[in-house]
Amino acid sequence: MQIHKIKVNTTMDIYEDNLNYLSYFNELNNKLIKDTLEAGDVQNNTTNVKAAMTHWRMVTTHESYQDLIKIIIPKLTLCEDIKAVQGGYPSFACGEMWGAVYKKGQYTDEHKHNSAFSFTYYAKAEKGCAPLIFTKPGFKKFQPETGSLLFWRGDYHHLVPPEETDNLRIVIAGNVGYHYGETTKILKTKVL
């Protein structure tokens, strides 16, 4: 067996938007915060997130999360060069979507996701809150604010350093993958 190590240059695409332009922004954002806080911590620091974290499938149980993914997926299709596959375009599916509530001192360990795309939406991010830091394949630090939306390829490594403020930092995160069949009940959205 041979191992070939080849150095390559690559581009790391991270898409950034802020949803505060939506006419119903405050209503949606307040509902996301309420649903996330009410769902509470069910992970007990057993994941990379060392903060209060909801269950993994909030998108299947909460209308506010479903409303958010219906905003995110069309944005993804506008930014990503989606190629036709077998005579048609793929759909996207989001089966994992969760909330996290960070208090002072809480953080997320470096990790990556096993998905085509991942995202974070900041329902509450006060000035000076902990940033989101990408570490591989390149380095980039994002300072979020309330309404910030970021999405990227799921294999990018990222982390959140310890929260230094006394304010809550409330994040909705999730994974989006390609969906080619009708055999699952995962929320689907067609390419526009």
N, C-alpha and C. Protein backbone atom coordinates (compact mmCIF):
# COMPACT_ATOMS: atom_id res chain seq x y z
N MET A 1 0.85 -1.18 0.00
CA MET A 1 0.00 0.00 0.00
C MET A 1 0.89 1.24 0.00
N GLN A 2 0.46 2.24 -0.73
CA GLN A 2 1.16 3.52 -0.77
C GLN A 2 0.26 4.60 -0.21
N ILE A 3 0.86 5.54 0.46
CA ILE A 3 0.15 6.72 0.92
C ILE A 3 0.70 7.92 0.17
N HIS A 4 -0.16 8.62 -0.50
CA HIS A 4 0.24 9.79 -1.27
C HIS A 4 -0.19 11.04 -0.52
N LYS A 5 0.76 11.87 -0.16
CA LYS A 5 0.46 13.14 0.52
C LYS A 5 0.69 14.25 -0.49
N ILE A 6 -0.39 14.94 -0.82
CA ILE A 6 -0.35 15.98 -1.83
C ILE A 6 -0.82 17.28 -1.22
N LYS A 7 0.01 18.31 -1.27
CA LYS A 7 -0.40 19.62 -0.76
C LYS A 7 -1.24 20.31 -1.82
N VAL A 8 -2.38 20.85 -1.39
CA VAL A 8 -3.25 21.55 -2.31
C VAL A 8 -3.69 22.87 -1.68
N ASN A 9 -3.96 23.84 -2.52
CA ASN A 9 -4.57 25.09 -2.06
C ASN A 9 -6.07 24.93 -2.20
N THR A 10 -6.81 25.47 -1.26
CA THR A 10 -8.26 25.36 -1.31
C THR A 10 -8.91 26.66 -0.85
N THR A 11 -10.16 26.79 -1.13
CA THR A 11 -10.94 27.93 -0.67
C THR A 11 -11.93 27.44 0.37
N MET A 12 -12.12 28.21 1.41
CA MET A 12 -13.08 27.87 2.46
C MET A 12 -14.22 28.87 2.34
N ASP A 13 -15.40 28.41 1.92
CA ASP A 13 -16.55 29.30 1.75
C ASP A 13 -17.44 29.26 2.99
N ILE A 14 -17.62 30.42 3.58
CA ILE A 14 -18.53 30.57 4.71
C ILE A 14 -19.48 31.71 4.34
N TYR A 15 -20.76 31.43 4.35
CA TYR A 15 -21.76 32.41 3.95
C TYR A 15 -22.32 33.09 5.20
N GLU A 16 -22.44 34.42 5.13
CA GLU A 16 -22.91 35.20 6.27
C GLU A 16 -24.06 36.11 5.84
N ASP A 17 -25.07 36.16 6.69
CA ASP A 17 -26.22 37.02 6.45
C ASP A 17 -26.73 37.47 7.82
N ASN A 18 -27.65 38.41 7.83
CA ASN A 18 -28.35 38.76 9.06
C ASN A 18 -29.83 38.84 8.70
N LEU A 19 -30.64 38.11 9.44
CA LEU A 19 -32.07 38.01 9.12
C LEU A 19 -32.90 39.16 9.69
N ASN A 20 -32.27 40.16 10.26
CA ASN A 20 -33.04 41.26 10.88
C ASN A 20 -33.80 42.11 9.85
N TYR A 21 -33.61 41.86 8.57
CA TYR A 21 -34.37 42.57 7.54
C TYR A 21 -35.76 41.98 7.33
N LEU A 22 -36.01 40.79 7.84
CA LEU A 22 -37.32 40.15 7.67
C LEU A 22 -38.40 40.96 8.38
N SER A 23 -39.55 41.12 7.75
CA SER A 23 -40.64 41.89 8.37
C SER A 23 -41.14 41.23 9.66
N TYR A 24 -40.98 39.92 9.78
CA TYR A 24 -41.43 39.18 10.96
C TYR A 24 -40.25 38.73 11.83
N PHE A 25 -39.11 39.41 11.70
CA PHE A 25 -37.89 39.03 12.41
C PHE A 25 -38.11 38.92 13.92
N ASN A 26 -38.64 39.96 14.54
CA ASN A 26 -38.81 39.96 16.01
C ASN A 26 -39.71 38.83 16.47
N GLU A 27 -40.80 38.60 15.75
CA GLU A 27 -41.73 37.53 16.12
C GLU A 27 -41.04 36.16 16.04
N LEU A 28 -40.36 35.89 14.92
CA LEU A 28 -39.67 34.60 14.76
C LEU A 28 -38.56 34.45 15.79
N ASN A 29 -37.75 35.48 15.94
CA ASN A 29 -36.62 35.41 16.85
C ASN A 29 -37.07 35.18 18.29
N ASN A 30 -38.10 35.89 18.72
CA ASN A 30 -38.62 35.71 20.08
C ASN A 30 -39.16 34.30 20.29
N LYS A 31 -39.80 33.74 19.27
CA LYS A 31 -40.33 32.36 19.37
C LYS A 31 -39.18 31.35 19.44
N LEU A 32 -38.12 31.57 18.65
CA LEU A 32 -36.95 30.68 18.71
C LEU A 32 -36.32 30.70 20.10
N ILE A 33 -36.18 31.89 20.67
CA ILE A 33 -35.62 32.02 22.02
C ILE A 33 -36.50 31.30 23.03
N LYS A 34 -37.80 31.55 22.97
CA LYS A 34 -38.75 30.92 23.90
C LYS A 34 -38.70 29.39 23.79
N ASP A 35 -38.76 28.87 22.57
CA ASP A 35 -38.76 27.41 22.37
C ASP A 35 -37.45 26.79 22.85
N THR A 36 -36.34 27.47 22.61
CA THR A 36 -35.03 26.94 23.02
C THR A 36 -34.91 26.92 24.54
N LEU A 37 -35.30 28.00 25.18
CA LEU A 37 -35.23 28.05 26.64
C LEU A 37 -36.17 27.03 27.28
N GLU A 38 -37.37 26.89 26.73
CA GLU A 38 -38.33 25.93 27.28
C GLU A 38 -37.89 24.49 27.09
N ALA A 39 -37.23 24.19 25.97
CA ALA A 39 -36.75 22.82 25.71
C ALA A 39 -35.69 22.41 26.73
N GLY A 40 -34.90 23.37 27.16
CA GLY A 40 -33.92 23.12 28.22
C GLY A 40 -32.76 22.24 27.80
N ASP A 41 -31.91 21.98 28.76
CA ASP A 41 -30.71 21.18 28.55
C ASP A 41 -31.02 19.70 28.72
N VAL A 42 -30.88 18.95 27.64
CA VAL A 42 -31.09 17.50 27.73
C VAL A 42 -29.80 16.73 27.44
N GLN A 43 -28.74 17.44 27.05
CA GLN A 43 -27.48 16.76 26.69
C GLN A 43 -26.51 16.66 27.87
N ASN A 44 -26.66 17.47 28.89
CA ASN A 44 -25.83 17.40 30.10
C ASN A 44 -24.33 17.39 29.81
N ASN A 45 -23.89 18.25 28.90
CA ASN A 45 -22.47 18.38 28.55
C ASN A 45 -21.84 17.11 28.00
N THR A 46 -22.63 16.26 27.36
CA THR A 46 -22.10 15.01 26.79
C THR A 46 -21.71 15.18 25.32
N THR A 47 -21.89 16.37 24.76
CA THR A 47 -21.52 16.65 23.37
C THR A 47 -20.34 17.62 23.36
N ASN A 48 -19.97 18.10 22.18
CA ASN A 48 -18.93 19.12 22.07
C ASN A 48 -19.37 20.44 22.71
N VAL A 49 -20.68 20.64 22.81
CA VAL A 49 -21.23 21.87 23.39
C VAL A 49 -21.21 21.73 24.91
N LYS A 50 -20.45 22.58 25.56
CA LYS A 50 -20.36 22.58 27.03
C LYS A 50 -21.21 23.73 27.57
N ALA A 51 -22.48 23.68 27.19
CA ALA A 51 -23.49 24.66 27.58
C ALA A 51 -24.82 23.92 27.55
N ALA A 52 -25.89 24.60 27.95
CA ALA A 52 -27.22 23.98 27.89
C ALA A 52 -27.57 23.71 26.43
N MET A 53 -27.97 22.47 26.13
CA MET A 53 -28.27 22.10 24.74
C MET A 53 -29.55 21.28 24.68
N THR A 54 -30.40 21.62 23.72
CA THR A 54 -31.68 20.93 23.52
C THR A 54 -31.44 19.55 22.90
N HIS A 55 -32.54 18.86 22.60
CA HIS A 55 -32.42 17.60 21.86
C HIS A 55 -32.05 17.92 20.41
N TRP A 56 -31.58 16.91 19.70
CA TRP A 56 -31.02 17.06 18.36
C TRP A 56 -32.06 17.36 17.28
N ARG A 57 -33.31 17.02 17.51
CA ARG A 57 -34.30 17.09 16.41
C ARG A 57 -35.40 18.11 16.69
N MET A 58 -35.00 19.29 17.14
CA MET A 58 -35.97 20.35 17.41
C MET A 58 -36.75 20.72 16.15
N VAL A 59 -36.17 20.50 14.99
CA VAL A 59 -36.84 20.82 13.72
C VAL A 59 -38.07 19.94 13.51
N THR A 60 -38.12 18.79 14.14
CA THR A 60 -39.27 17.90 13.97
C THR A 60 -40.37 18.17 15.00
N THR A 61 -40.07 18.99 16.01
CA THR A 61 -41.03 19.19 17.09
C THR A 61 -41.45 20.64 17.32
N HIS A 62 -40.76 21.59 16.71
CA HIS A 62 -41.04 23.01 16.98
C HIS A 62 -41.21 23.79 15.68
N GLU A 63 -42.35 24.43 15.57
CA GLU A 63 -42.67 25.19 14.36
C GLU A 63 -41.67 26.32 14.11
N SER A 64 -41.15 26.95 15.16
CA SER A 64 -40.19 28.05 14.97
C SER A 64 -38.92 27.54 14.29
N TYR A 65 -38.48 26.36 14.64
CA TYR A 65 -37.30 25.77 14.01
C TYR A 65 -37.61 25.42 12.55
N GLN A 66 -38.81 24.94 12.28
CA GLN A 66 -39.21 24.64 10.90
C GLN A 66 -39.27 25.91 10.08
N ASP A 67 -39.75 27.00 10.67
CA ASP A 67 -39.79 28.28 9.95
C ASP A 67 -38.38 28.77 9.62
N LEU A 68 -37.45 28.58 10.55
CA LEU A 68 -36.07 29.01 10.32
C LEU A 68 -35.41 28.21 9.20
N ILE A 69 -35.59 26.89 9.19
CA ILE A 69 -34.93 26.10 8.14
C ILE A 69 -35.53 26.41 6.77
N LYS A 70 -36.79 26.81 6.73
CA LYS A 70 -37.40 27.19 5.45
C LYS A 70 -36.80 28.50 4.91
N ILE A 71 -36.19 29.29 5.77
CA ILE A 71 -35.47 30.49 5.34
C ILE A 71 -34.04 30.12 4.92
N ILE A 72 -33.43 29.22 5.65
CA ILE A 72 -32.02 28.88 5.43
C ILE A 72 -31.80 28.13 4.12
N ILE A 73 -32.59 27.10 3.85
CA ILE A 73 -32.32 26.25 2.69
C ILE A 73 -32.36 27.01 1.37
N PRO A 74 -33.32 27.87 1.11
CA PRO A 74 -33.26 28.63 -0.15
C PRO A 74 -32.01 29.52 -0.26
N LYS A 75 -31.53 30.06 0.86
CA LYS A 75 -30.29 30.84 0.84
C LYS A 75 -29.11 29.96 0.45
N LEU A 76 -29.09 28.75 0.96
CA LEU A 76 -28.02 27.81 0.64
C LEU A 76 -28.00 27.53 -0.86
N THR A 77 -29.15 27.33 -1.45
CA THR A 77 -29.20 27.01 -2.88
C THR A 77 -28.80 28.19 -3.75
N LEU A 78 -28.97 29.41 -3.26
CA LEU A 78 -28.56 30.58 -4.03
C LEU A 78 -27.05 30.77 -4.01
N CYS A 79 -26.41 30.35 -2.94
CA CYS A 79 -24.98 30.55 -2.79
C CYS A 79 -24.15 29.38 -3.29
N GLU A 80 -24.69 28.22 -3.28
CA GLU A 80 -23.96 27.02 -3.66
C GLU A 80 -24.25 26.68 -5.11
N ASP A 81 -23.23 26.26 -5.83
CA ASP A 81 -23.40 25.88 -7.24
C ASP A 81 -23.94 24.45 -7.28
N ILE A 82 -25.27 24.32 -7.25
CA ILE A 82 -25.92 23.02 -7.20
C ILE A 82 -26.09 22.49 -8.63
N LYS A 83 -25.52 21.34 -8.89
CA LYS A 83 -25.56 20.74 -10.22
C LYS A 83 -26.76 19.79 -10.34
N ALA A 84 -27.28 19.71 -11.54
CA ALA A 84 -28.36 18.75 -11.80
C ALA A 84 -27.82 17.34 -11.64
N VAL A 85 -28.61 16.49 -11.03
CA VAL A 85 -28.23 15.10 -10.83
C VAL A 85 -29.32 14.22 -11.43
N GLN A 86 -28.95 13.34 -12.34
CA GLN A 86 -29.87 12.41 -12.98
C GLN A 86 -31.12 13.12 -13.51
N GLY A 87 -30.90 14.23 -14.19
CA GLY A 87 -32.01 14.93 -14.84
C GLY A 87 -32.80 15.87 -13.96
N GLY A 88 -32.43 16.02 -12.70
CA GLY A 88 -33.16 16.93 -11.82
C GLY A 88 -32.24 17.48 -10.75
N TYR A 89 -32.77 18.36 -9.96
CA TYR A 89 -31.99 18.94 -8.88
C TYR A 89 -32.31 18.22 -7.57
N PRO A 90 -31.32 18.09 -6.70
CA PRO A 90 -31.58 17.43 -5.42
C PRO A 90 -32.40 18.32 -4.51
N SER A 91 -33.09 17.70 -3.60
CA SER A 91 -33.73 18.43 -2.50
C SER A 91 -32.73 18.46 -1.35
N PHE A 92 -33.01 19.27 -0.38
CA PHE A 92 -32.20 19.29 0.83
C PHE A 92 -33.06 18.83 1.99
N ALA A 93 -32.44 18.20 2.96
CA ALA A 93 -33.14 17.72 4.15
C ALA A 93 -32.39 18.18 5.39
N CYS A 94 -33.15 18.56 6.40
CA CYS A 94 -32.57 18.93 7.69
C CYS A 94 -33.22 18.04 8.75
N GLY A 95 -32.47 17.11 9.25
CA GLY A 95 -32.99 16.21 10.28
C GLY A 95 -32.42 16.51 11.65
N GLU A 96 -31.33 17.29 11.70
CA GLU A 96 -30.70 17.64 12.97
C GLU A 96 -30.66 19.16 13.09
N MET A 97 -31.30 19.64 14.14
CA MET A 97 -31.33 21.08 14.41
C MET A 97 -31.57 21.23 15.90
N TRP A 98 -30.70 21.96 16.56
CA TRP A 98 -30.74 22.05 18.02
C TRP A 98 -30.46 23.47 18.48
N GLY A 99 -30.74 23.72 19.73
CA GLY A 99 -30.46 25.01 20.33
C GLY A 99 -29.43 24.86 21.43
N ALA A 100 -28.67 25.94 21.65
CA ALA A 100 -27.69 25.96 22.74
C ALA A 100 -27.75 27.32 23.42
N VAL A 101 -27.69 27.29 24.74
CA VAL A 101 -27.73 28.51 25.54
C VAL A 101 -26.45 28.57 26.37
N TYR A 102 -25.60 29.55 26.04
CA TYR A 102 -24.31 29.71 26.71
C TYR A 102 -24.41 30.75 27.81
N LYS A 103 -23.87 30.41 28.97
CA LYS A 103 -23.69 31.36 30.07
C LYS A 103 -22.19 31.62 30.20
N LYS A 104 -21.83 32.56 31.04
CA LYS A 104 -20.43 32.91 31.25
C LYS A 104 -19.60 31.66 31.56
N GLY A 105 -18.48 31.51 30.85
CA GLY A 105 -17.56 30.39 31.06
C GLY A 105 -17.85 29.17 30.20
N GLN A 106 -19.01 29.12 29.53
CA GLN A 106 -19.36 27.95 28.73
C GLN A 106 -18.83 28.09 27.31
N TYR A 107 -18.60 26.97 26.64
CA TYR A 107 -17.89 26.95 25.36
C TYR A 107 -18.28 25.73 24.55
N THR A 108 -17.69 25.61 23.35
CA THR A 108 -17.84 24.41 22.52
C THR A 108 -16.46 23.97 22.06
N ASP A 109 -16.16 22.69 22.26
CA ASP A 109 -14.88 22.12 21.82
C ASP A 109 -14.77 22.13 20.30
N GLU A 110 -13.55 22.13 19.79
CA GLU A 110 -13.33 22.06 18.35
C GLU A 110 -13.92 20.75 17.81
N HIS A 111 -14.61 20.86 16.68
CA HIS A 111 -15.24 19.69 16.07
C HIS A 111 -15.61 20.02 14.63
N LYS A 112 -16.12 19.04 13.93
CA LYS A 112 -16.71 19.23 12.61
C LYS A 112 -17.98 18.41 12.57
N HIS A 113 -18.78 18.62 11.55
CA HIS A 113 -20.05 17.90 11.42
C HIS A 113 -19.95 16.92 10.26
N ASN A 114 -20.68 15.86 10.34
CA ASN A 114 -20.74 14.87 9.26
C ASN A 114 -21.98 15.13 8.41
N SER A 115 -21.94 16.25 7.69
CA SER A 115 -23.07 16.64 6.86
C SER A 115 -22.55 17.40 5.65
N ALA A 116 -23.40 17.56 4.66
CA ALA A 116 -23.01 18.36 3.50
C ALA A 116 -22.80 19.82 3.91
N PHE A 117 -23.73 20.36 4.68
CA PHE A 117 -23.66 21.75 5.13
C PHE A 117 -24.07 21.84 6.59
N SER A 118 -23.54 22.84 7.26
CA SER A 118 -23.91 23.14 8.64
C SER A 118 -24.20 24.62 8.76
N PHE A 119 -24.91 25.00 9.82
CA PHE A 119 -25.24 26.42 10.00
C PHE A 119 -25.36 26.75 11.47
N THR A 120 -25.24 28.04 11.76
CA THR A 120 -25.58 28.58 13.08
C THR A 120 -26.37 29.87 12.87
N TYR A 121 -27.38 30.01 13.68
CA TYR A 121 -28.19 31.23 13.70
C TYR A 121 -28.14 31.76 15.13
N TYR A 122 -27.93 33.06 15.27
CA TYR A 122 -27.78 33.67 16.59
C TYR A 122 -29.05 34.41 16.97
N ALA A 123 -29.86 33.76 17.79
CA ALA A 123 -31.11 34.36 18.25
C ALA A 123 -30.85 35.44 19.29
N LYS A 124 -29.74 35.29 20.02
CA LYS A 124 -29.35 36.30 21.01
C LYS A 124 -27.83 36.30 21.09
N ALA A 125 -27.24 37.40 20.64
CA ALA A 125 -25.78 37.54 20.67
C ALA A 125 -25.46 39.00 20.96
N GLU A 126 -25.18 39.28 22.21
CA GLU A 126 -24.91 40.66 22.63
C GLU A 126 -23.49 41.05 22.23
N LYS A 127 -23.24 42.34 22.18
CA LYS A 127 -21.91 42.86 21.85
C LYS A 127 -20.87 42.25 22.80
N GLY A 128 -19.77 41.76 22.23
CA GLY A 128 -18.69 41.19 23.02
C GLY A 128 -18.87 39.73 23.38
N CYS A 129 -19.95 39.09 22.89
CA CYS A 129 -20.16 37.67 23.20
C CYS A 129 -19.08 36.83 22.51
N ALA A 130 -19.00 35.58 22.87
CA ALA A 130 -18.00 34.67 22.31
C ALA A 130 -18.17 34.55 20.80
N PRO A 131 -17.07 34.55 20.06
CA PRO A 131 -17.14 34.40 18.60
C PRO A 131 -17.28 32.93 18.20
N LEU A 132 -17.51 32.71 16.92
CA LEU A 132 -17.41 31.37 16.32
C LEU A 132 -16.09 31.39 15.57
N ILE A 133 -15.23 30.40 15.84
CA ILE A 133 -13.90 30.37 15.23
C ILE A 133 -13.75 29.11 14.38
N PHE A 134 -13.44 29.31 13.11
CA PHE A 134 -13.12 28.20 12.21
C PHE A 134 -11.61 27.97 12.26
N THR A 135 -11.20 26.70 12.34
CA THR A 135 -9.78 26.37 12.49
C THR A 135 -9.19 25.59 11.33
N LYS A 136 -10.01 24.84 10.59
CA LYS A 136 -9.53 24.05 9.45
C LYS A 136 -10.65 23.97 8.41
N PRO A 137 -10.35 24.06 7.15
CA PRO A 137 -9.04 24.06 6.52
C PRO A 137 -8.33 25.40 6.57
N GLY A 138 -8.97 26.44 7.05
CA GLY A 138 -8.35 27.75 7.23
C GLY A 138 -8.85 28.35 8.52
N PHE A 139 -8.34 29.52 8.86
CA PHE A 139 -8.72 30.17 10.10
C PHE A 139 -9.59 31.39 9.80
N LYS A 140 -10.71 31.52 10.51
CA LYS A 140 -11.57 32.69 10.38
C LYS A 140 -12.38 32.82 11.67
N LYS A 141 -12.44 34.04 12.19
CA LYS A 141 -13.19 34.30 13.42
C LYS A 141 -14.36 35.22 13.08
N PHE A 142 -15.57 34.81 13.50
CA PHE A 142 -16.78 35.60 13.28
C PHE A 142 -17.31 36.09 14.61
N GLN A 143 -17.58 37.39 14.68
CA GLN A 143 -18.19 37.97 15.86
C GLN A 143 -19.68 38.14 15.56
N PRO A 144 -20.53 37.25 16.10
CA PRO A 144 -21.96 37.31 15.76
C PRO A 144 -22.69 38.44 16.47
N GLU A 145 -23.85 38.75 15.94
CA GLU A 145 -24.79 39.65 16.59
C GLU A 145 -26.17 39.03 16.43
N THR A 146 -27.12 39.50 17.18
CA THR A 146 -28.47 38.95 17.08
C THR A 146 -28.95 39.01 15.63
N GLY A 147 -29.41 37.86 15.12
CA GLY A 147 -29.88 37.76 13.74
C GLY A 147 -28.86 37.23 12.77
N SER A 148 -27.59 37.11 13.20
CA SER A 148 -26.55 36.58 12.31
C SER A 148 -26.83 35.14 11.92
N LEU A 149 -26.58 34.83 10.65
CA LEU A 149 -26.72 33.48 10.12
C LEU A 149 -25.44 33.14 9.36
N LEU A 150 -24.83 32.02 9.69
CA LEU A 150 -23.64 31.53 9.00
C LEU A 150 -23.90 30.12 8.53
N PHE A 151 -23.47 29.78 7.32
CA PHE A 151 -23.50 28.37 6.90
C PHE A 151 -22.27 28.06 6.07
N TRP A 152 -21.89 26.77 6.10
CA TRP A 152 -20.61 26.33 5.55
C TRP A 152 -20.66 24.84 5.28
N ARG A 153 -19.64 24.33 4.61
CA ARG A 153 -19.53 22.88 4.39
C ARG A 153 -19.32 22.21 5.75
N GLY A 154 -19.97 21.08 5.95
CA GLY A 154 -19.98 20.44 7.25
C GLY A 154 -18.64 19.91 7.73
N ASP A 155 -17.64 19.81 6.86
CA ASP A 155 -16.35 19.26 7.30
C ASP A 155 -15.37 20.34 7.76
N TYR A 156 -15.80 21.59 7.89
CA TYR A 156 -14.93 22.64 8.42
C TYR A 156 -14.88 22.52 9.95
N HIS A 157 -13.70 22.51 10.50
CA HIS A 157 -13.53 22.45 11.96
C HIS A 157 -13.83 23.83 12.55
N HIS A 158 -14.50 23.84 13.71
CA HIS A 158 -14.85 25.09 14.36
C HIS A 158 -15.02 24.90 15.86
N LEU A 159 -15.03 26.00 16.60
CA LEU A 159 -15.15 25.97 18.05
C LEU A 159 -15.73 27.30 18.54
N VAL A 160 -16.12 27.31 19.81
CA VAL A 160 -16.54 28.54 20.47
C VAL A 160 -15.73 28.64 21.75
N PRO A 161 -14.94 29.72 21.92
CA PRO A 161 -14.20 29.88 23.17
C PRO A 161 -15.14 30.20 24.33
N PRO A 162 -14.66 30.16 25.55
CA PRO A 162 -15.53 30.44 26.70
C PRO A 162 -16.22 31.81 26.60
N GLU A 163 -17.51 31.82 26.91
CA GLU A 163 -18.28 33.06 26.95
C GLU A 163 -17.73 33.92 28.08
N GLU A 164 -17.45 35.18 27.78
CA GLU A 164 -16.86 36.07 28.79
C GLU A 164 -17.85 37.07 29.37
N THR A 165 -19.01 37.21 28.75
CA THR A 165 -19.98 38.19 29.25
C THR A 165 -20.97 37.52 30.20
N ASP A 166 -21.74 38.33 30.87
CA ASP A 166 -22.78 37.81 31.77
C ASP A 166 -24.11 37.62 31.04
N ASN A 167 -24.15 37.92 29.74
CA ASN A 167 -25.37 37.79 28.94
C ASN A 167 -25.52 36.38 28.37
N LEU A 168 -26.76 35.94 28.20
CA LEU A 168 -26.99 34.66 27.53
C LEU A 168 -26.65 34.81 26.05
N ARG A 169 -26.07 33.77 25.48
CA ARG A 169 -25.78 33.69 24.03
C ARG A 169 -26.60 32.51 23.55
N ILE A 170 -27.63 32.75 22.72
CA ILE A 170 -28.56 31.70 22.31
C ILE A 170 -28.39 31.43 20.82
N VAL A 171 -28.06 30.20 20.50
CA VAL A 171 -27.71 29.80 19.14
C VAL A 171 -28.59 28.64 18.70
N ILE A 172 -29.02 28.68 17.45
CA ILE A 172 -29.69 27.55 16.80
C ILE A 172 -28.70 27.02 15.77
N ALA A 173 -28.44 25.73 15.79
CA ALA A 173 -27.48 25.14 14.85
C ALA A 173 -28.11 23.91 14.21
N GLY A 174 -27.54 23.50 13.09
CA GLY A 174 -28.08 22.32 12.43
C GLY A 174 -27.25 21.87 11.26
N ASN A 175 -27.69 20.78 10.69
CA ASN A 175 -27.04 20.17 9.54
C ASN A 175 -28.04 19.99 8.41
N VAL A 176 -27.57 20.20 7.20
CA VAL A 176 -28.39 20.05 6.00
C VAL A 176 -27.66 19.10 5.06
N GLY A 177 -28.41 18.15 4.52
CA GLY A 177 -27.83 17.21 3.56
C GLY A 177 -28.67 17.11 2.31
N TYR A 178 -28.14 16.43 1.32
CA TYR A 178 -28.89 16.19 0.10
C TYR A 178 -29.91 15.10 0.35
N HIS A 179 -31.05 15.21 -0.31
CA HIS A 179 -32.11 14.21 -0.15
C HIS A 179 -32.61 13.84 -1.54
N TYR A 180 -32.57 12.56 -1.86
CA TYR A 180 -32.93 12.10 -3.20
C TYR A 180 -34.17 11.22 -3.24
N GLY A 181 -34.72 10.84 -2.11
CA GLY A 181 -35.86 9.93 -2.12
C GLY A 181 -37.02 10.44 -1.30
N GLU A 182 -38.06 9.66 -1.24
CA GLU A 182 -39.26 10.02 -0.49
C GLU A 182 -39.49 9.05 0.66
N THR A 183 -38.44 8.37 1.12
CA THR A 183 -38.62 7.33 2.13
C THR A 183 -38.41 7.83 3.55
N THR A 184 -38.18 9.10 3.74
CA THR A 184 -37.92 9.62 5.07
C THR A 184 -38.93 10.73 5.41
N LYS A 185 -39.13 10.96 6.69
CA LYS A 185 -40.03 12.01 7.11
C LYS A 185 -39.28 13.28 7.52
N ILE A 186 -38.00 13.36 7.16
CA ILE A 186 -37.21 14.55 7.47
C ILE A 186 -37.73 15.73 6.67
N LEU A 187 -37.75 16.91 7.30
CA LEU A 187 -38.21 18.13 6.64
C LEU A 187 -37.41 18.36 5.37
N LYS A 188 -38.11 18.53 4.26
CA LYS A 188 -37.46 18.71 2.96
C LYS A 188 -37.89 20.05 2.36
N THR A 189 -36.98 20.63 1.59
CA THR A 189 -37.28 21.86 0.85
C THR A 189 -36.65 21.72 -0.51
N LYS A 190 -37.41 21.92 -1.56
CA LYS A 190 -36.91 21.83 -2.91
C LYS A 190 -36.08 23.06 -3.28
N VAL A 191 -35.13 22.87 -4.19
CA VAL A 191 -34.37 24.00 -4.72
C VAL A 191 -35.32 24.91 -5.46
N LEU A 192 -35.20 26.22 -5.25
CA LEU A 192 -36.09 27.18 -5.91
C LEU A 192 -35.80 27.24 -7.39
